[in-house]
Amino acid sequence: MSTQVLSLTEDLYNYMLSVGVRDSKLLQQLREENAQHPRAVMQIAPEQGQFMGLLVQLLGVKKALEIGVFTGYSSLIVAMALPEDGQLIACDISDEYTAMARKYWEKAGVAHKVDLRIAPALDTLDQLITEGHSNSFDFAFIDADKSNYDNYYERALQLLRPGGLMAVDNVLWSGRVAEPTAQQDNRTKHIHALNQKIHADQRVSMSLVPIADGLMLAMKR
């Protein structure tokens, strides 16, 4: 027994995947194609995807938001977990990167659930707020440029309904958030600052889950 998270050896990690992730050929194909991408490390881990899909189902999510699509692994999982009349508004700035995402949404038969907005995410979020979508989203996932993490957090919190859940990726940042502040680069400082902010934020209930590169969960009160 252990009172801390286990360090995962390669054998233990592979075992965890073998019994902890119900994979599909389509998700495997997307991971394999993404692995050839020069920025492949931006994709979330399969065990994190499985966890997020379960959260979406548990919450009965019908209206979801994603900030940072990349090649579409997380958005595919969320869209597959949504009911047939569910909607995911997906924010990204790259037609090139999201081309792979669009291909796999089509293959999975979930493209009709995804509303892809190619624009700076803050512009899209502000537009949603202006159009009256505050307090209406059930789930939001943030995995984009770290310098805007606090801005994304505030906008997403406004858009979430009470009881809605936000998931913020990369909050452990390969361990760099635990380094002395003087040694941290700009992106690490932004992540560390948001972690501290969420920890103290009485507008949410929170839990930092040590899965993959760290996933901060914040439920709007």
C-alpha atoms as a PDB file:
ATOM      1  CA  MET A   1       0.000   0.000   0.000  1.00  0.00           C
ATOM      2  CA  SER A   2       1.089   3.589  -0.599  1.00  0.00           C
ATOM      3  CA  THR A   3      -0.111   6.982   0.567  1.00  0.00           C
ATOM      4  CA  GLN A   4       1.368   8.627  -2.552  1.00  0.00           C
ATOM      5  CA  VAL A   5       0.873   8.214  -6.282  1.00  0.00           C
ATOM      6  CA  LEU A   6       2.972   5.329  -7.556  1.00  0.00           C
ATOM      7  CA  SER A   7       5.886   5.987  -9.842  1.00  0.00           C
ATOM      8  CA  LEU A   8       5.036   4.142 -13.038  1.00  0.00           C
ATOM      9  CA  THR A   9       7.651   1.889 -14.570  1.00  0.00           C
ATOM     10  CA  GLU A  10       7.200   1.144 -18.259  1.00  0.00           C
ATOM     11  CA  ASP A  11       5.857  -2.327 -17.434  1.00  0.00           C
ATOM     12  CA  LEU A  12       3.376  -0.950 -14.893  1.00  0.00           C
ATOM     13  CA  TYR A  13       2.266   1.802 -17.268  1.00  0.00           C
ATOM     14  CA  ASN A  14       1.664  -0.714 -20.056  1.00  0.00           C
ATOM     15  CA  TYR A  15      -0.270  -2.912 -17.621  1.00  0.00           C
ATOM     16  CA  MET A  16      -2.400   0.070 -16.625  1.00  0.00           C
ATOM     17  CA  LEU A  17      -3.192   0.763 -20.274  1.00  0.00           C
ATOM     18  CA  SER A  18      -4.040  -2.894 -20.898  1.00  0.00           C
ATOM     19  CA  VAL A  19      -6.670  -3.071 -18.149  1.00  0.00           C
ATOM     20  CA  GLY A  20      -7.582   0.603 -17.717  1.00  0.00           C
ATOM     21  CA  VAL A  21      -8.245   1.846 -21.244  1.00  0.00           C
ATOM     22  CA  ARG A  22     -10.970   0.453 -23.502  1.00  0.00           C
ATOM     23  CA  ASP A  23      -9.405   1.438 -26.759  1.00  0.00           C
ATOM     24  CA  SER A  24     -10.851   1.527 -30.256  1.00  0.00           C
ATOM     25  CA  LYS A  25      -9.187   1.070 -33.635  1.00  0.00           C
ATOM     26  CA  LEU A  26     -10.124   4.627 -34.566  1.00  0.00           C
ATOM     27  CA  LEU A  27      -8.464   6.127 -31.486  1.00  0.00           C
ATOM     28  CA  GLN A  28      -5.410   3.956 -32.107  1.00  0.00           C
ATOM     29  CA  GLN A  29      -5.271   5.174 -35.709  1.00  0.00           C
ATOM     30  CA  LEU A  30      -5.449   8.801 -34.628  1.00  0.00           C
ATOM     31  CA  ARG A  31      -2.684   8.291 -32.057  1.00  0.00           C
ATOM     32  CA  GLU A  32      -0.508   6.564 -34.652  1.00  0.00           C
ATOM     33  CA  GLU A  33      -1.042   9.302 -37.219  1.00  0.00           C
ATOM     34  CA  ASN A  34      -0.499  12.000 -34.612  1.00  0.00           C
ATOM     35  CA  ALA A  35       2.780  10.320 -33.584  1.00  0.00           C
ATOM     36  CA  GLN A  36       4.215  11.350 -36.962  1.00  0.00           C
ATOM     37  CA  HIS A  37       3.407  15.000 -36.293  1.00  0.00           C
ATOM     38  CA  PRO A  38       6.377  17.227 -35.367  1.00  0.00           C
ATOM     39  CA  ARG A  39       4.454  18.419 -32.289  1.00  0.00           C
ATOM     40  CA  ALA A  40       3.059  15.013 -31.345  1.00  0.00           C
ATOM     41  CA  VAL A  41       3.680  15.599 -27.614  1.00  0.00           C
ATOM     42  CA  MET A  42       0.779  18.057 -27.581  1.00  0.00           C
ATOM     43  CA  GLN A  43      -1.699  15.164 -27.708  1.00  0.00           C
ATOM     44  CA  ILE A  44      -3.194  14.016 -24.409  1.00  0.00           C
ATOM     45  CA  ALA A  45      -2.416  10.527 -23.100  1.00  0.00           C
ATOM     46  CA  PRO A  46      -4.887   7.677 -23.775  1.00  0.00           C
ATOM     47  CA  GLU A  47      -5.596   7.141 -20.065  1.00  0.00           C
ATOM     48  CA  GLN A  48      -6.459  10.831 -19.723  1.00  0.00           C
ATOM     49  CA  GLY A  49      -8.762  10.617 -22.715  1.00  0.00           C
ATOM     50  CA  GLN A  50     -10.519   7.605 -21.182  1.00  0.00           C
ATOM     51  CA  PHE A  51     -10.933   9.514 -17.902  1.00  0.00           C
ATOM     52  CA  MET A  52     -12.340  12.598 -19.616  1.00  0.00           C
ATOM     53  CA  GLY A  53     -14.803  10.544 -21.632  1.00  0.00           C
ATOM     54  CA  LEU A  54     -16.047   8.955 -18.419  1.00  0.00           C
ATOM     55  CA  LEU A  55     -16.438  12.384 -16.785  1.00  0.00           C
ATOM     56  CA  VAL A  56     -18.508  13.594 -19.733  1.00  0.00           C
ATOM     57  CA  GLN A  57     -20.796  10.574 -19.418  1.00  0.00           C
ATOM     58  CA  LEU A  58     -21.057  10.827 -15.625  1.00  0.00           C
ATOM     59  CA  LEU A  59     -22.043  14.485 -15.816  1.00  0.00           C
ATOM     60  CA  GLY A  60     -24.572  13.892 -18.588  1.00  0.00           C
ATOM     61  CA  VAL A  61     -22.849  16.604 -20.619  1.00  0.00           C
ATOM     62  CA  LYS A  62     -24.809  17.981 -23.572  1.00  0.00           C
ATOM     63  CA  LYS A  63     -22.944  21.225 -24.176  1.00  0.00           C
ATOM     64  CA  ALA A  64     -19.150  21.200 -24.065  1.00  0.00           C
ATOM     65  CA  LEU A  65     -16.304  23.579 -24.810  1.00  0.00           C
ATOM     66  CA  GLU A  66     -12.741  22.808 -25.843  1.00  0.00           C
ATOM     67  CA  ILE A  67      -9.968  25.404 -25.968  1.00  0.00           C
ATOM     68  CA  GLY A  68      -7.122  23.964 -28.008  1.00  0.00           C
ATOM     69  CA  VAL A  69      -7.979  21.193 -30.489  1.00  0.00           C
ATOM     70  CA  PHE A  70      -4.637  20.296 -32.130  1.00  0.00           C
ATOM     71  CA  THR A  71      -5.185  17.032 -34.092  1.00  0.00           C
ATOM     72  CA  GLY A  72      -8.412  16.194 -32.305  1.00  0.00           C
ATOM     73  CA  TYR A  73      -7.806  13.317 -29.899  1.00  0.00           C
ATOM     74  CA  SER A  74      -9.504  14.923 -26.898  1.00  0.00           C
ATOM     75  CA  SER A  75     -12.321  16.434 -28.950  1.00  0.00           C
ATOM     76  CA  LEU A  76     -12.990  13.071 -30.595  1.00  0.00           C
ATOM     77  CA  ILE A  77     -13.291  11.394 -27.205  1.00  0.00           C
ATOM     78  CA  VAL A  78     -15.567  14.121 -25.839  1.00  0.00           C
ATOM     79  CA  ALA A  79     -17.757  14.108 -28.958  1.00  0.00           C
ATOM     80  CA  MET A  80     -18.083  10.313 -28.831  1.00  0.00           C
ATOM     81  CA  ALA A  81     -19.164  10.551 -25.175  1.00  0.00           C
ATOM     82  CA  LEU A  82     -21.802  13.208 -25.880  1.00  0.00           C
ATOM     83  CA  PRO A  83     -25.396  12.189 -26.592  1.00  0.00           C
ATOM     84  CA  GLU A  84     -26.582  12.347 -30.190  1.00  0.00           C
ATOM     85  CA  ASP A  85     -27.973  15.857 -29.682  1.00  0.00           C
ATOM     86  CA  GLY A  86     -24.888  17.065 -27.782  1.00  0.00           C
ATOM     87  CA  GLN A  87     -22.618  19.846 -28.997  1.00  0.00           C
ATOM     88  CA  LEU A  88     -18.924  20.590 -28.615  1.00  0.00           C
ATOM     89  CA  ILE A  89     -17.679  24.060 -29.484  1.00  0.00           C
ATOM     90  CA  ALA A  90     -14.009  23.557 -30.323  1.00  0.00           C
ATOM     91  CA  CYS A  91     -11.607  26.518 -30.438  1.00  0.00           C
ATOM     92  CA  ASP A  92      -8.327  26.556 -32.340  1.00  0.00           C
ATOM     93  CA  ILE A  93      -6.322  28.876 -34.589  1.00  0.00           C
ATOM     94  CA  SER A  94      -4.915  26.286 -37.008  1.00  0.00           C
ATOM     95  CA  ASP A  95      -6.699  24.950 -40.070  1.00  0.00           C
ATOM     96  CA  GLU A  96      -3.634  22.792 -40.691  1.00  0.00           C
ATOM     97  CA  TYR A  97      -3.592  21.006 -37.338  1.00  0.00           C
ATOM     98  CA  THR A  98      -7.368  20.598 -37.117  1.00  0.00           C
ATOM     99  CA  ALA A  99      -7.567  19.018 -40.568  1.00  0.00           C
ATOM    100  CA  MET A 100      -6.655  15.706 -38.934  1.00  0.00           C
ATOM    101  CA  ALA A 101      -9.286  16.310 -36.264  1.00  0.00           C
ATOM    102  CA  ARG A 102     -11.995  16.930 -38.858  1.00  0.00           C
ATOM    103  CA  LYS A 103     -11.056  13.735 -40.688  1.00  0.00           C
ATOM    104  CA  TYR A 104     -11.463  11.616 -37.563  1.00  0.00           C
ATOM    105  CA  TRP A 105     -14.684  13.327 -36.486  1.00  0.00           C
ATOM    106  CA  GLU A 106     -16.093  12.298 -39.856  1.00  0.00           C
ATOM    107  CA  LYS A 107     -14.776   8.742 -39.545  1.00  0.00           C
ATOM    108  CA  ALA A 108     -16.361   8.410 -36.102  1.00  0.00           C
ATOM    109  CA  GLY A 109     -19.685   9.830 -37.260  1.00  0.00           C
ATOM    110  CA  VAL A 110     -19.577  12.671 -34.726  1.00  0.00           C
ATOM    111  CA  ALA A 111     -18.751  15.642 -36.984  1.00  0.00           C
ATOM    112  CA  HIS A 112     -22.319  16.939 -36.605  1.00  0.00           C
ATOM    113  CA  LYS A 113     -21.698  17.357 -32.869  1.00  0.00           C
ATOM    114  CA  VAL A 114     -18.598  19.542 -33.293  1.00  0.00           C
ATOM    115  CA  ASP A 115     -18.703  23.258 -34.035  1.00  0.00           C
ATOM    116  CA  LEU A 116     -15.089  24.149 -34.886  1.00  0.00           C
ATOM    117  CA  ARG A 117     -14.256  27.847 -34.499  1.00  0.00           C
ATOM    118  CA  ILE A 118     -10.982  28.833 -36.211  1.00  0.00           C
ATOM    119  CA  ALA A 119     -10.088  32.097 -34.466  1.00  0.00           C
ATOM    120  CA  PRO A 120      -8.195  33.262 -31.381  1.00  0.00           C
ATOM    121  CA  ALA A 121      -9.951  31.424 -28.567  1.00  0.00           C
ATOM    122  CA  LEU A 122     -10.467  34.564 -26.477  1.00  0.00           C
ATOM    123  CA  ASP A 123     -12.380  36.113 -29.379  1.00  0.00           C
ATOM    124  CA  THR A 124     -14.608  33.035 -29.615  1.00  0.00           C
ATOM    125  CA  LEU A 125     -15.178  32.916 -25.856  1.00  0.00           C
ATOM    126  CA  ASP A 126     -16.012  36.615 -25.680  1.00  0.00           C
ATOM    127  CA  GLN A 127     -18.417  36.182 -28.583  1.00  0.00           C
ATOM    128  CA  LEU A 128     -20.159  33.307 -26.785  1.00  0.00           C
ATOM    129  CA  ILE A 129     -20.514  35.460 -23.678  1.00  0.00           C
ATOM    130  CA  THR A 130     -21.874  38.390 -25.731  1.00  0.00           C
ATOM    131  CA  GLU A 131     -24.376  36.054 -27.406  1.00  0.00           C
ATOM    132  CA  GLY A 132     -25.774  35.051 -24.020  1.00  0.00           C
ATOM    133  CA  HIS A 133     -24.194  31.633 -23.473  1.00  0.00           C
ATOM    134  CA  SER A 134     -22.978  32.345 -19.935  1.00  0.00           C
ATOM    135  CA  ASN A 135     -23.969  29.702 -17.361  1.00  0.00           C
ATOM    136  CA  SER A 136     -24.931  27.213 -20.074  1.00  0.00           C
ATOM    137  CA  PHE A 137     -21.984  24.857 -20.668  1.00  0.00           C
ATOM    138  CA  ASP A 138     -21.704  21.558 -18.804  1.00  0.00           C
ATOM    139  CA  PHE A 139     -18.014  20.875 -19.447  1.00  0.00           C
ATOM    140  CA  ALA A 140     -14.932  22.790 -20.579  1.00  0.00           C
ATOM    141  CA  PHE A 141     -11.444  21.517 -21.403  1.00  0.00           C
ATOM    142  CA  ILE A 142      -8.483  23.903 -21.573  1.00  0.00           C
ATOM    143  CA  ASP A 143      -5.333  22.769 -23.365  1.00  0.00           C
ATOM    144  CA  ALA A 144      -3.903  25.716 -25.285  1.00  0.00           C
ATOM    145  CA  ASP A 145      -1.248  28.444 -24.966  1.00  0.00           C
ATOM    146  CA  LYS A 146      -0.178  28.695 -21.347  1.00  0.00           C
ATOM    147  CA  SER A 147       0.231  32.482 -21.326  1.00  0.00           C
ATOM    148  CA  ASN A 148      -3.556  32.793 -21.635  1.00  0.00           C
ATOM    149  CA  TYR A 149      -4.470  30.067 -19.152  1.00  0.00           C
ATOM    150  CA  ASP A 150      -5.859  32.545 -16.620  1.00  0.00           C
ATOM    151  CA  ASN A 151      -7.901  34.330 -19.315  1.00  0.00           C
ATOM    152  CA  TYR A 152      -9.283  31.017 -20.557  1.00  0.00           C
ATOM    153  CA  TYR A 153     -10.107  29.991 -17.001  1.00  0.00           C
ATOM    154  CA  GLU A 154     -12.081  33.158 -16.313  1.00  0.00           C
ATOM    155  CA  ARG A 155     -14.019  32.992 -19.584  1.00  0.00           C
ATOM    156  CA  ALA A 156     -14.752  29.287 -19.227  1.00  0.00           C
ATOM    157  CA  LEU A 157     -15.892  29.786 -15.637  1.00  0.00           C
ATOM    158  CA  GLN A 158     -18.343  32.422 -16.801  1.00  0.00           C
ATOM    159  CA  LEU A 159     -19.649  30.128 -19.538  1.00  0.00           C
ATOM    160  CA  LEU A 160     -20.050  27.072 -17.291  1.00  0.00           C
ATOM    161  CA  ARG A 161     -23.330  26.484 -15.517  1.00  0.00           C
ATOM    162  CA  PRO A 162     -23.298  25.992 -11.741  1.00  0.00           C
ATOM    163  CA  GLY A 163     -22.271  22.369 -11.286  1.00  0.00           C
ATOM    164  CA  GLY A 164     -20.416  22.396 -14.610  1.00  0.00           C
ATOM    165  CA  LEU A 165     -16.888  21.040 -14.719  1.00  0.00           C
ATOM    166  CA  MET A 166     -13.690  22.546 -16.092  1.00  0.00           C
ATOM    167  CA  ALA A 167     -10.607  20.421 -16.810  1.00  0.00           C
ATOM    168  CA  VAL A 168      -7.273  22.208 -17.252  1.00  0.00           C
ATOM    169  CA  ASP A 169      -4.434  20.221 -18.814  1.00  0.00           C
ATOM    170  CA  ASN A 170      -0.661  20.244 -18.166  1.00  0.00           C
ATOM    171  CA  VAL A 171      -0.905  21.642 -14.656  1.00  0.00           C
ATOM    172  CA  LEU A 172       2.084  19.591 -13.444  1.00  0.00           C
ATOM    173  CA  TRP A 173       4.078  20.607 -16.540  1.00  0.00           C
ATOM    174  CA  SER A 174       6.574  17.724 -16.414  1.00  0.00           C
ATOM    175  CA  GLY A 175       7.351  18.657 -12.809  1.00  0.00           C
ATOM    176  CA  ARG A 176       8.615  22.137 -13.625  1.00  0.00           C
ATOM    177  CA  VAL A 177       5.900  23.824 -11.520  1.00  0.00           C
ATOM    178  CA  ALA A 178       7.650  22.473  -8.403  1.00  0.00           C
ATOM    179  CA  GLU A 179      10.927  24.200  -9.227  1.00  0.00           C
ATOM    180  CA  PRO A 180      11.861  27.388  -7.349  1.00  0.00           C
ATOM    181  CA  THR A 181      10.038  30.358  -8.867  1.00  0.00           C
ATOM    182  CA  ALA A 182      13.312  32.018  -9.852  1.00  0.00           C
ATOM    183  CA  GLN A 183      14.108  29.047 -12.099  1.00  0.00           C
ATOM    184  CA  GLN A 184      10.739  28.888 -13.831  1.00  0.00           C
ATOM    185  CA  ASP A 185      10.255  30.018 -17.416  1.00  0.00           C
ATOM    186  CA  ASN A 186       7.312  32.194 -18.432  1.00  0.00           C
ATOM    187  CA  ARG A 187       4.937  29.331 -19.325  1.00  0.00           C
ATOM    188  CA  THR A 188       5.715  27.501 -16.095  1.00  0.00           C
ATOM    189  CA  LYS A 189       5.031  30.671 -14.093  1.00  0.00           C
ATOM    190  CA  HIS A 190       1.614  31.066 -15.764  1.00  0.00           C
ATOM    191  CA  ILE A 191       0.654  27.476 -14.958  1.00  0.00           C
ATOM    192  CA  HIS A 192       1.916  27.727 -11.381  1.00  0.00           C
ATOM    193  CA  ALA A 193      -0.003  30.985 -10.867  1.00  0.00           C
ATOM    194  CA  LEU A 194      -3.238  29.429 -12.145  1.00  0.00           C
ATOM    195  CA  ASN A 195      -2.779  26.365  -9.924  1.00  0.00           C
ATOM    196  CA  GLN A 196      -2.455  28.641  -6.910  1.00  0.00           C
ATOM    197  CA  LYS A 197      -5.421  30.723  -8.021  1.00  0.00           C
ATOM    198  CA  ILE A 198      -7.719  27.722  -8.450  1.00  0.00           C
ATOM    199  CA  HIS A 199      -6.587  26.292  -5.110  1.00  0.00           C
ATOM    200  CA  ALA A 200      -7.764  29.484  -3.397  1.00  0.00           C
ATOM    201  CA  ASP A 201     -10.798  30.186  -5.616  1.00  0.00           C
ATOM    202  CA  GLN A 202     -13.996  29.817  -3.592  1.00  0.00           C
ATOM    203  CA  ARG A 203     -16.070  29.987  -6.773  1.00  0.00           C
ATOM    204  CA  VAL A 204     -15.139  26.367  -7.488  1.00  0.00           C
ATOM    205  CA  SER A 205     -14.622  22.985  -5.864  1.00  0.00           C
ATOM    206  CA  MET A 206     -11.343  21.556  -7.124  1.00  0.00           C
ATOM    207  CA  SER A 207      -9.072  18.542  -7.327  1.00  0.00           C
ATOM    208  CA  LEU A 208      -5.713  18.164  -9.053  1.00  0.00           C
ATOM    209  CA  VAL A 209      -5.556  14.690 -10.562  1.00  0.00           C
ATOM    210  CA  PRO A 210      -2.002  13.363 -11.144  1.00  0.00           C
ATOM    211  CA  ILE A 211      -2.836  11.730 -14.463  1.00  0.00           C
ATOM    212  CA  ALA A 212      -0.532  12.177 -17.479  1.00  0.00           C
ATOM    213  CA  ASP A 213       0.878  15.744 -17.184  1.00  0.00           C
ATOM    214  CA  GLY A 214      -1.592  16.737 -14.469  1.00  0.00           C
ATOM    215  CA  LEU A 215      -5.291  17.546 -14.854  1.00  0.00           C
ATOM    216  CA  MET A 216      -6.917  20.236 -12.703  1.00  0.00           C
ATOM    217  CA  LEU A 217     -10.632  19.736 -12.189  1.00  0.00           C
ATOM    218  CA  ALA A 218     -12.719  22.704 -11.078  1.00  0.00           C
ATOM    219  CA  MET A 219     -16.489  22.464 -10.578  1.00  0.00           C
ATOM    220  CA  LYS A 220     -18.348  25.764 -10.640  1.00  0.00           C
ATOM    221  CA  ARG A 221     -20.316  26.303  -7.465  1.00  0.00           C
END
